[in-house]
């Protein structure tokens, strides 16, 4: 059976949400085809592994004493003893599944580590992961692809310190109030707020800089819907889900997305509850077309969820999630049990794609130089 490294956790504000997705994947993988190898990334960046990680109680109670500290080298997972004097090879990894939300886990860290170790990964590569972790870079890419985005202003903390008053004065003229203010690199609506005037904008921007060094200020869309659409590739074909509503009106904050839904019994295995959106045929096709365009043009792989803001008959791409909650299985599967086949398809596609990669060619320039010096 193939050994599958399942990454979750990470140095991220979404560490706990990632634990839900990771444990969900560990339980759902087909045990007749795959042997899951859990790899938990702590908030300090250390990696751990243990068969007990399939139990959510371990994480709720913070009982990490039985976890082994691990690292990767040459495609093999190794464990390190507590005194760091003994290293033991645990398992050769065949393929990996990334369940880290936010931070370096989603932003390219896991992608880079797997590429370095030549382990196929069922997630986008380093470049795409890094770009889409930054909301301001995402908007630049979307404009290059002619995919609509909401009007915005990007501001770096260093620039704000120099020209803050000028920026605050320009918001009303360029965007008009109210506006949405949010950190550029944090996912799941962390740090998002609405500003109705200049005083509130100043407070929101400065609060955003407590979390990130870059802030996005967007035009607020009244009576909008938050709509999700996802895509994945299989055997050369790109499959796009039906658009599904996630939230209507107001601000889709972290509390709305996870805390309230969990309290209302809508959060199942880390997935967000939702439903089909009443969209016109043209708008539905636009959203699916934008999703497919971004997936294809950015050479994405694995399952990627794209979040849109829908206002009237217009759709604006808001965010691209290269590691979506519960790996967006709910956008393609009618039942939770169907996710077993879906996750298997993602892993097999990663293995198939890895086999088709070109071989590394070296220049031999150092060897030539050495021969000339003899």
Protein backbone atom coordinates (compact mmCIF):
# COMPACT_ATOMS: atom_id res chain seq x y z
CA UNK A 1 0.00 0.00 0.00
CA UNK A 2 1.10 3.54 -0.65
CA UNK A 3 2.27 5.60 2.32
CA UNK A 4 0.49 8.97 2.45
CA UNK A 5 1.86 11.81 4.56
CA UNK A 6 -1.09 13.89 5.77
CA UNK A 7 0.06 17.35 6.85
CA UNK A 8 -2.03 19.50 9.18
CA UNK A 9 -1.64 22.20 11.83
CA UNK A 10 1.03 24.77 11.03
CA UNK A 11 2.31 28.18 12.13
CA UNK A 12 -1.00 29.82 11.40
CA UNK A 13 -4.04 31.40 13.01
CA UNK A 14 -5.95 28.54 11.38
CA UNK A 15 -3.97 25.80 13.11
CA UNK A 16 -7.00 24.37 14.91
CA UNK A 17 -9.21 24.44 11.80
CA UNK A 18 -6.44 22.61 9.99
CA UNK A 19 -6.46 19.94 12.69
CA UNK A 20 -10.14 19.30 11.89
CA UNK A 21 -9.38 18.90 8.19
CA UNK A 22 -6.35 16.70 8.84
CA UNK A 23 -8.16 14.31 11.18
CA UNK A 24 -11.08 14.19 8.75
CA UNK A 25 -8.70 13.14 5.95
CA UNK A 26 -6.95 10.57 8.15
CA UNK A 27 -10.29 8.89 8.86
CA UNK A 28 -11.55 9.07 5.29
CA UNK A 29 -8.58 7.73 3.30
CA UNK A 30 -9.18 4.27 1.85
CA UNK A 31 -7.19 1.89 4.09
CA UNK A 32 -7.22 -0.82 1.43
CA UNK A 33 -5.11 1.41 -0.85
CA UNK A 34 -3.28 3.80 1.46
CA UNK A 35 -1.51 3.86 4.79
CA UNK A 36 -1.96 7.36 6.27
CA UNK A 37 1.07 8.83 8.06
CA UNK A 38 -0.05 11.85 10.10
CA UNK A 39 2.38 14.80 10.26
CA UNK A 40 1.33 17.54 12.64
CA UNK A 41 3.11 20.89 12.32
CA UNK A 42 3.13 22.68 15.66
CA UNK A 43 2.68 26.44 15.94
CA UNK A 44 6.42 26.67 16.65
CA UNK A 45 7.19 24.97 13.33
CA UNK A 46 8.25 21.59 14.76
CA UNK A 47 6.81 18.46 13.10
CA UNK A 48 5.41 15.47 14.99
CA UNK A 49 3.83 12.12 14.15
CA UNK A 50 1.83 9.50 16.03
CA UNK A 51 -0.93 6.98 15.25
CA UNK A 52 -2.90 8.63 18.09
CA UNK A 53 -3.35 11.77 16.00
CA UNK A 54 -6.58 10.37 14.57
CA UNK A 55 -8.22 11.19 17.92
CA UNK A 56 -9.39 14.82 18.20
CA UNK A 57 -9.33 14.57 22.01
CA UNK A 58 -5.52 14.48 21.94
CA UNK A 59 -5.48 17.97 20.44
CA UNK A 60 -8.29 19.34 22.58
CA UNK A 61 -6.47 18.30 25.73
CA UNK A 62 -3.02 19.30 24.43
CA UNK A 63 -1.51 15.89 25.15
CA UNK A 64 1.47 15.85 22.80
CA UNK A 65 3.83 13.86 25.04
CA UNK A 66 3.45 10.66 23.02
CA UNK A 67 4.16 12.37 19.67
CA UNK A 68 7.49 11.70 17.96
CA UNK A 69 9.47 14.63 16.62
CA UNK A 70 10.03 14.01 12.90
CA UNK A 71 11.68 15.46 9.80
CA UNK A 72 12.01 14.59 6.09
CA UNK A 73 15.19 13.71 4.23
CA UNK A 74 15.41 12.22 0.74
CA UNK A 75 11.73 11.28 0.67
CA UNK A 76 11.86 9.41 3.98
CA UNK A 77 10.27 10.41 7.27
CA UNK A 78 12.66 10.15 10.22
CA UNK A 79 12.01 10.40 13.96
CA UNK A 80 14.27 12.11 16.50
CA UNK A 81 14.64 10.99 20.10
CA UNK A 82 13.96 13.47 22.91
CA UNK A 83 17.66 14.00 23.58
CA UNK A 84 18.24 14.38 19.81
CA UNK A 85 20.95 11.72 19.90
CA UNK A 86 19.10 9.00 17.98
CA UNK A 87 17.53 9.24 14.53
CA UNK A 88 15.35 6.46 13.14
CA UNK A 89 13.86 5.99 9.67
CA UNK A 90 10.10 5.62 10.07
CA UNK A 91 8.67 5.38 6.57
CA UNK A 92 9.35 6.04 2.91
CA UNK A 93 6.58 8.38 1.74
CA UNK A 94 4.92 7.79 -1.65
CA UNK A 95 2.61 10.81 -1.83
CA UNK A 96 1.43 13.66 0.40
CA UNK A 97 -1.85 15.40 1.19
CA UNK A 98 -1.67 18.95 2.51
CA UNK A 99 -4.38 19.92 5.01
CA UNK A 100 -2.62 23.01 6.42
CA UNK A 101 -4.73 26.16 6.24
CA UNK A 102 -3.01 29.53 6.13
CA UNK A 103 0.56 30.49 6.99
CA UNK A 104 3.54 28.78 5.41
CA UNK A 105 1.71 25.46 5.40
CA UNK A 106 -0.71 26.65 2.73
CA UNK A 107 1.53 29.43 1.44
CA UNK A 108 4.20 27.20 -0.08
CA UNK A 109 6.15 25.74 2.84
CA UNK A 110 4.77 22.21 2.53
CA UNK A 111 4.91 22.43 -1.28
CA UNK A 112 8.60 23.35 -1.17
CA UNK A 113 9.44 20.64 1.37
CA UNK A 114 7.75 17.95 -0.73
CA UNK A 115 9.35 19.16 -3.95
CA UNK A 116 12.76 19.15 -2.26
CA UNK A 117 12.14 15.55 -1.17
CA UNK A 118 10.68 14.54 -4.57
CA UNK A 119 7.42 13.47 -2.96
CA UNK A 120 4.29 13.97 -5.12
CA UNK A 121 1.88 16.42 -3.49
CA UNK A 122 -1.85 16.68 -4.13
CA UNK A 123 -1.77 20.48 -3.84
CA UNK A 124 -0.52 23.43 -5.93
CA UNK A 125 3.20 24.10 -6.21
CA UNK A 126 5.31 26.65 -4.35
CA UNK A 127 4.73 29.52 -6.79
CA UNK A 128 0.93 29.37 -6.91
CA UNK A 129 0.66 28.69 -3.18
CA UNK A 130 2.75 31.73 -2.34
CA UNK A 131 0.94 34.04 -4.75
CA UNK A 132 -2.54 33.13 -3.58
CA UNK A 133 -1.63 33.41 0.08
CA UNK A 134 -1.27 37.15 -0.55
CA UNK A 135 -4.60 38.80 -1.34
CA UNK A 136 -2.94 41.77 -3.03
CA UNK A 137 -0.92 39.54 -5.38
CA UNK A 138 -4.08 37.53 -6.04
CA UNK A 139 -5.80 40.68 -7.29
CA UNK A 140 -2.88 41.52 -9.58
CA UNK A 141 -3.03 38.03 -11.10
CA UNK A 142 -6.80 38.23 -11.54
CA UNK A 143 -6.53 41.52 -13.40
CA UNK A 144 -3.90 40.00 -15.69
CA UNK A 145 -6.34 37.14 -16.40
CA UNK A 146 -9.31 39.52 -16.91
CA UNK A 147 -11.12 38.05 -13.91
CA UNK A 148 -13.09 40.79 -12.09
CA UNK A 149 -12.05 41.87 -8.59
CA UNK A 150 -13.51 44.47 -6.25
CA UNK A 151 -11.83 47.90 -6.36
CA UNK A 152 -9.18 48.10 -3.66
CA UNK A 153 -6.22 49.93 -2.15
CA UNK A 154 -3.16 48.06 -0.94
CA UNK A 155 -1.04 49.60 1.80
CA UNK A 156 2.22 48.42 3.40
CA UNK A 157 2.89 49.20 7.03
CA UNK A 158 6.07 51.15 6.21
CA UNK A 159 4.20 53.31 3.67
CA UNK A 160 1.36 53.92 6.11
CA UNK A 161 3.82 55.19 8.71
CA UNK A 162 5.04 57.78 6.20
CA UNK A 163 1.83 58.71 4.37
CA UNK A 164 -1.01 57.49 6.60
CA UNK A 165 -3.02 60.75 6.63
CA UNK A 166 -2.87 61.02 2.82
CA UNK A 167 -4.07 57.41 2.46
CA UNK A 168 -6.98 57.97 4.83
CA UNK A 169 -8.05 61.04 2.88
CA UNK A 170 -7.89 59.14 -0.42
CA UNK A 171 -10.19 56.29 0.66
CA UNK A 172 -13.37 58.34 0.39
CA UNK A 173 -12.48 59.58 -3.08
CA UNK A 174 -11.25 56.29 -4.54
CA UNK A 175 -13.60 53.77 -2.91
CA UNK A 176 -16.26 55.67 -0.95
CA UNK A 177 -17.42 54.48 2.45
CA UNK A 178 -18.17 51.95 3.80
CA UNK A 179 -15.08 49.85 3.06
CA UNK A 180 -13.75 46.44 4.07
CA UNK A 181 -10.33 46.34 5.77
CA UNK A 182 -8.41 43.07 6.11
CA UNK A 183 -4.85 41.72 6.48
CA UNK A 184 -3.38 40.61 3.14
CA UNK A 185 -1.88 37.28 4.25
CA UNK A 186 -4.40 35.86 6.73
CA UNK A 187 -7.12 33.47 5.67
CA UNK A 188 -10.60 32.66 6.93
CA UNK A 189 -11.59 36.30 7.31
CA UNK A 190 -9.25 36.77 10.28
CA UNK A 191 -8.90 40.44 11.17
CA UNK A 192 -11.60 41.58 8.74
CA UNK A 193 -13.72 44.64 9.64
CA UNK A 194 -16.04 47.23 8.12
CA UNK A 195 -15.25 50.94 8.31
CA UNK A 196 -18.05 53.48 7.86
CA UNK A 197 -15.85 56.58 8.03
CA UNK A 198 -12.26 57.80 8.20
CA UNK A 199 -11.95 57.36 11.95
CA UNK A 200 -13.10 53.73 11.77
CA UNK A 201 -10.83 53.11 8.78
CA UNK A 202 -7.83 54.38 10.73
CA UNK A 203 -8.67 52.10 13.64
CA UNK A 204 -9.23 49.09 11.36
CA UNK A 205 -6.02 49.63 9.38
CA UNK A 206 -3.90 49.96 12.50
CA UNK A 207 -5.53 46.86 13.98
CA UNK A 208 -4.75 45.04 10.74
CA UNK A 209 -1.08 45.96 11.05
CA UNK A 210 -0.99 44.21 14.41
CA UNK A 211 -1.55 40.97 12.47
CA UNK A 212 0.18 41.60 9.15
CA UNK A 213 2.57 44.00 7.44
CA UNK A 214 0.20 44.56 4.52
CA UNK A 215 -3.47 45.52 4.53
CA UNK A 216 -6.14 45.50 1.82
CA UNK A 217 -8.92 48.11 1.75
CA UNK A 218 -11.84 47.10 -0.49
CA UNK A 219 -15.02 48.74 -1.67
CA UNK A 220 -17.97 47.36 0.33
CA UNK A 221 -20.65 45.62 -1.71
CA UNK A 222 -24.14 45.91 -0.19
CA UNK A 223 -26.57 42.99 -0.50
CA UNK A 224 -23.85 40.66 -1.72
CA UNK A 225 -23.47 36.90 -1.45
CA UNK A 226 -20.31 34.95 -0.68
CA UNK A 227 -20.20 32.15 -3.25
CA UNK A 228 -17.74 29.24 -3.44
CA UNK A 229 -16.70 27.30 -6.52
CA UNK A 230 -13.91 24.71 -6.73
CA UNK A 231 -11.94 22.82 -9.35
CA UNK A 232 -9.60 19.85 -9.57
CA UNK A 233 -7.82 18.04 -12.40
CA UNK A 234 -7.95 14.38 -13.30
CA UNK A 235 -6.32 12.72 -16.32
CA UNK A 236 -5.92 15.98 -18.15
CA UNK A 237 -9.48 17.21 -17.55
CA UNK A 238 -10.48 20.05 -15.21
CA UNK A 239 -13.66 19.45 -13.22
CA UNK A 240 -15.52 22.46 -11.84
CA UNK A 241 -18.13 22.30 -9.07
CA UNK A 242 -21.49 24.00 -9.02
CA UNK A 243 -21.36 27.41 -7.28
CA UNK A 244 -22.55 27.21 -3.69
CA UNK A 245 -23.52 29.94 -1.26
CA UNK A 246 -21.50 30.31 1.91
CA UNK A 247 -22.90 33.51 3.40
CA UNK A 248 -25.37 36.27 2.55
CA UNK A 249 -25.12 39.96 3.45
CA UNK A 250 -22.83 41.42 6.09
CA UNK A 251 -19.23 40.39 6.69
CA UNK A 252 -18.19 36.74 6.46
CA UNK A 253 -15.93 36.82 9.52
CA UNK A 254 -14.01 33.99 11.17
CA UNK A 255 -16.70 33.84 13.85
CA UNK A 256 -19.45 33.51 11.23
CA UNK A 257 -17.46 31.00 9.21
CA UNK A 258 -16.50 28.62 11.99
CA UNK A 259 -17.62 29.49 15.54
CA UNK A 260 -21.31 30.22 14.94
CA UNK A 261 -21.67 27.43 12.41
CA UNK A 262 -20.21 24.99 14.91
CA UNK A 263 -22.55 26.27 17.62
CA UNK A 264 -25.48 25.87 15.24
CA UNK A 265 -24.46 22.32 14.42
CA UNK A 266 -23.52 23.20 10.84
CA UNK A 267 -19.81 22.45 11.06
CA UNK A 268 -19.32 18.79 10.20
CA UNK A 269 -15.79 17.38 10.05
CA UNK A 270 -14.42 20.85 9.44
CA UNK A 271 -16.65 21.57 6.44
CA UNK A 272 -18.73 24.67 6.10
CA UNK A 273 -22.44 24.30 5.60
CA UNK A 274 -23.90 25.87 2.48
CA UNK A 275 -26.29 25.32 -0.37
CA UNK A 276 -26.84 25.87 -4.07
CA UNK A 277 -27.16 29.52 -5.05
CA UNK A 278 -30.09 30.92 -6.98
CA UNK A 279 -28.06 32.40 -9.83
CA UNK A 280 -28.97 33.23 -13.37
CA UNK A 281 -27.59 30.88 -16.01
CA UNK A 282 -25.16 33.52 -17.29
CA UNK A 283 -23.81 34.32 -13.82
CA UNK A 284 -23.43 30.64 -12.96
CA UNK A 285 -21.41 30.05 -16.11
CA UNK A 286 -19.28 33.14 -15.50
CA UNK A 287 -18.29 31.91 -12.04
CA UNK A 288 -17.48 28.43 -13.33
CA UNK A 289 -15.57 29.89 -16.28
CA UNK A 290 -13.51 32.20 -14.04
CA UNK A 291 -12.73 29.25 -11.77
CA UNK A 292 -11.58 27.08 -14.65
CA UNK A 293 -9.55 29.90 -16.20
CA UNK A 294 -7.59 30.57 -12.99
CA UNK A 295 -7.03 26.85 -12.39
CA UNK A 296 -5.76 26.26 -15.93
CA UNK A 297 -3.71 29.42 -16.47
CA UNK A 298 -1.96 29.14 -13.09
CA UNK A 299 -1.14 25.44 -13.63
CA UNK A 300 -2.88 24.45 -10.42
CA UNK A 301 -3.24 20.91 -9.14
CA UNK A 302 -5.19 19.19 -6.40
CA UNK A 303 -8.49 20.74 -5.35
CA UNK A 304 -8.64 24.54 -5.18
CA UNK A 305 -11.62 26.57 -3.95
CA UNK A 306 -12.29 30.06 -5.24
CA UNK A 307 -14.40 32.49 -3.24
CA UNK A 308 -16.51 35.04 -5.08
CA UNK A 309 -18.54 38.05 -4.04
CA UNK A 310 -21.78 38.24 -6.01
CA UNK A 311 -23.61 41.55 -6.22
CA UNK A 312 -26.54 41.80 -8.62
CA UNK A 313 -25.46 40.11 -11.85
CA UNK A 314 -21.74 40.61 -11.24
CA UNK A 315 -19.24 38.21 -9.68
CA UNK A 316 -15.88 39.30 -8.27
CA UNK A 317 -13.16 36.84 -7.33
CA UNK A 318 -12.21 37.54 -3.72
CA UNK A 319 -9.80 34.77 -2.67
CA UNK A 320 -8.16 31.58 -3.96
CA UNK A 321 -7.78 28.79 -1.39
CA UNK A 322 -5.10 26.30 -2.41
CA UNK A 323 -5.88 24.20 0.70
CA UNK A 324 -9.63 24.68 1.27
CA UNK A 325 -11.46 23.54 4.41
CA UNK A 326 -12.11 19.78 4.32
CA UNK A 327 -10.40 19.94 0.92
CA UNK A 328 -13.75 21.15 -0.50
CA UNK A 329 -15.02 17.57 -0.83
CA UNK A 330 -18.55 18.85 -0.08
CA UNK A 331 -18.60 20.77 -3.37
CA UNK A 332 -18.14 17.54 -5.35
CA UNK A 333 -19.58 14.79 -3.14
CA UNK A 334 -23.17 14.17 -2.14
CA UNK A 335 -22.16 12.11 0.90
CA UNK A 336 -19.20 12.15 3.27
CA UNK A 337 -18.38 8.56 2.27
CA UNK A 338 -17.93 9.72 -1.35
CA UNK A 339 -14.98 11.75 -0.13
CA UNK A 340 -12.97 8.52 0.14
CA UNK A 341 -12.96 8.13 -3.64
CA UNK A 342 -12.46 11.88 -4.14
CA UNK A 343 -9.36 12.00 -1.93
CA UNK A 344 -8.04 8.89 -3.65
CA UNK A 345 -8.45 10.57 -7.04
CA UNK A 346 -6.45 13.58 -5.82
CA UNK A 347 -3.61 11.33 -4.64
CA UNK A 348 -3.54 9.24 -7.82
CA UNK A 349 -3.45 12.39 -9.96
CA UNK A 350 -0.50 13.68 -7.94
CA UNK A 351 1.33 10.39 -8.52
CA UNK A 352 0.52 10.38 -12.23
CA UNK A 353 1.63 14.00 -12.69
CA UNK A 354 4.89 13.41 -10.81
CA UNK A 355 5.85 10.60 -13.18
CA UNK A 356 5.51 12.92 -16.18
CA UNK A 357 7.92 15.56 -14.82
CA UNK A 358 11.02 16.33 -16.87
CA UNK A 359 14.42 15.17 -15.69
CA UNK A 360 16.87 17.65 -14.21
CA UNK A 361 19.66 18.62 -16.60
CA UNK A 362 22.92 20.00 -15.18
CA UNK A 363 25.28 22.28 -17.08
CA UNK A 364 28.51 20.57 -16.06
CA UNK A 365 30.21 23.95 -15.97
CA UNK A 366 32.10 23.26 -12.73
CA UNK A 367 33.49 20.00 -14.09
CA UNK A 368 34.59 21.77 -17.29
CA UNK A 369 36.27 24.51 -15.27
CA UNK A 370 38.12 21.93 -13.19
CA UNK A 371 39.45 20.18 -16.30
CA UNK A 372 40.72 23.49 -17.67
CA UNK A 373 42.68 24.20 -14.49
CA UNK A 374 44.56 20.92 -14.63
